[in-house]
Amino acid sequence: MPAAALKPLPTQSTSKRAVLMDLPYEPVEKRPLPPGRPREWYVTHNRRLKAMRLAIALLDSGVYVPNQARDEKIRSTAALIGVHPPSDTTCHMVRALMKYAR
């Protein structure tokens, strides 16, 4: 058998068993947001933070490619890490973050 056939594809997991997600031990200290911005700025800022947290959690769980991160997978990961279920817009943002991080 050629050596290339034994090498896993970049999207395949190389672990022999399921890897447990290492949950954060201590939440990050929250600071107040700057006052005086329009409401839309705060909504977008919080959406980006949530998308970043979800993208990191998906990467930690072994989902490395955006097309592996379906809405159902993103929402189940949100429930696992303890954040509210994301909207369709936030799910799209998670996949975009994973795409541009490559």
Protein backbone atom coordinates (compact mmCIF):
# COMPACT_ATOMS: atom_id res chain seq x y z
CA MET A 1 0.00 0.00 0.00
CA PRO A 2 1.48 3.40 -0.94
CA ALA A 3 2.46 5.73 1.92
CA ALA A 4 0.14 8.46 0.60
CA ALA A 5 -2.87 6.20 1.20
CA LEU A 6 -1.99 5.86 4.89
CA LYS A 7 -1.73 9.61 5.50
CA PRO A 8 -5.05 11.11 6.70
CA LEU A 9 -6.66 13.92 4.76
CA PRO A 10 -6.39 17.37 6.38
CA THR A 11 -10.10 17.28 7.24
CA GLN A 12 -9.91 13.85 8.94
CA SER A 13 -9.36 13.47 12.64
CA THR A 14 -6.22 11.57 13.61
CA SER A 15 -7.40 10.73 17.12
CA LYS A 16 -8.34 7.14 17.92
CA ARG A 17 -11.18 8.15 20.24
CA ALA A 18 -13.40 11.16 20.82
CA VAL A 19 -11.60 14.11 22.34
CA LEU A 20 -13.39 15.83 25.20
CA MET A 21 -13.67 19.58 24.89
CA ASP A 22 -11.70 21.40 27.52
CA LEU A 23 -14.12 23.96 28.91
CA PRO A 24 -12.69 27.22 30.24
CA TYR A 25 -11.92 27.01 33.93
CA GLU A 26 -12.60 30.65 34.69
CA PRO A 27 -14.58 33.16 32.63
CA VAL A 28 -12.76 36.18 31.32
CA GLU A 29 -13.29 39.29 33.40
CA LYS A 30 -15.85 41.50 31.69
CA ARG A 31 -15.25 45.20 31.27
CA PRO A 32 -17.90 47.80 30.47
CA LEU A 33 -18.24 48.79 26.84
CA PRO A 34 -17.45 52.39 25.90
CA PRO A 35 -20.47 54.69 26.27
CA GLY A 36 -21.91 56.93 23.58
CA ARG A 37 -21.88 54.56 20.62
CA PRO A 38 -24.98 53.86 18.49
CA ARG A 39 -26.98 50.79 19.51
CA GLU A 40 -26.07 48.98 16.29
CA TRP A 41 -22.38 49.15 17.24
CA TYR A 42 -23.04 47.26 20.49
CA VAL A 43 -25.17 44.64 18.71
CA THR A 44 -22.45 44.04 16.11
CA HIS A 45 -19.70 44.00 18.73
CA ASN A 46 -21.49 41.38 20.85
CA ARG A 47 -22.30 39.31 17.75
CA ARG A 48 -18.61 39.27 16.77
CA LEU A 49 -17.58 38.20 20.27
CA LYS A 50 -20.13 35.39 20.25
CA ALA A 51 -19.03 34.24 16.78
CA MET A 52 -15.41 34.23 17.92
CA ARG A 53 -16.21 32.15 21.01
CA LEU A 54 -18.15 29.66 18.89
CA ALA A 55 -15.43 29.43 16.23
CA ILE A 56 -12.81 28.71 18.91
CA ALA A 57 -15.03 26.06 20.51
CA LEU A 58 -15.63 24.40 17.13
CA LEU A 59 -11.91 24.37 16.37
CA ASP A 60 -11.25 22.84 19.80
CA SER A 61 -13.83 20.13 19.09
CA GLY A 62 -12.22 19.15 15.77
CA VAL A 63 -14.30 21.09 13.24
CA TYR A 64 -11.66 22.78 11.08
CA VAL A 65 -13.42 23.48 7.77
CA PRO A 66 -16.35 25.91 7.39
CA ASN A 67 -18.47 23.44 5.44
CA GLN A 68 -18.31 21.05 8.41
CA ALA A 69 -19.87 23.74 10.62
CA ARG A 70 -23.55 23.48 9.81
CA ASP A 71 -26.08 25.58 11.73
CA GLU A 72 -27.11 22.57 13.85
CA LYS A 73 -23.48 21.89 14.84
CA ILE A 74 -22.88 25.53 15.73
CA ARG A 75 -26.07 25.67 17.83
CA SER A 76 -25.25 22.43 19.65
CA THR A 77 -21.77 23.79 20.41
CA ALA A 78 -23.38 26.99 21.74
CA ALA A 79 -25.49 24.90 24.12
CA LEU A 80 -22.37 22.99 25.17
CA ILE A 81 -20.35 26.09 26.05
CA GLY A 82 -23.33 27.85 27.64
CA VAL A 83 -24.23 30.69 25.29
CA HIS A 84 -27.65 31.49 23.82
CA PRO A 85 -28.43 29.81 20.48
CA PRO A 86 -26.96 31.94 17.68
CA SER A 87 -28.99 33.47 14.88
CA ASP A 88 -28.51 32.56 11.23
CA THR A 89 -26.40 35.72 10.83
CA THR A 90 -24.09 34.69 13.67
CA CYS A 91 -23.76 31.17 12.24
CA HIS A 92 -22.74 32.71 8.93
CA MET A 93 -20.20 34.87 10.75
CA VAL A 94 -18.74 31.79 12.50
CA ARG A 95 -18.18 30.09 9.16
CA ALA A 96 -16.62 33.28 7.75
CA LEU A 97 -14.21 33.46 10.69
CA MET A 98 -13.21 29.84 10.12
CA LYS A 99 -12.75 30.48 6.40
CA TYR A 100 -10.51 33.52 6.78
CA ALA A 101 -8.45 31.95 9.57
CA ARG A 102 -7.09 29.34 7.16
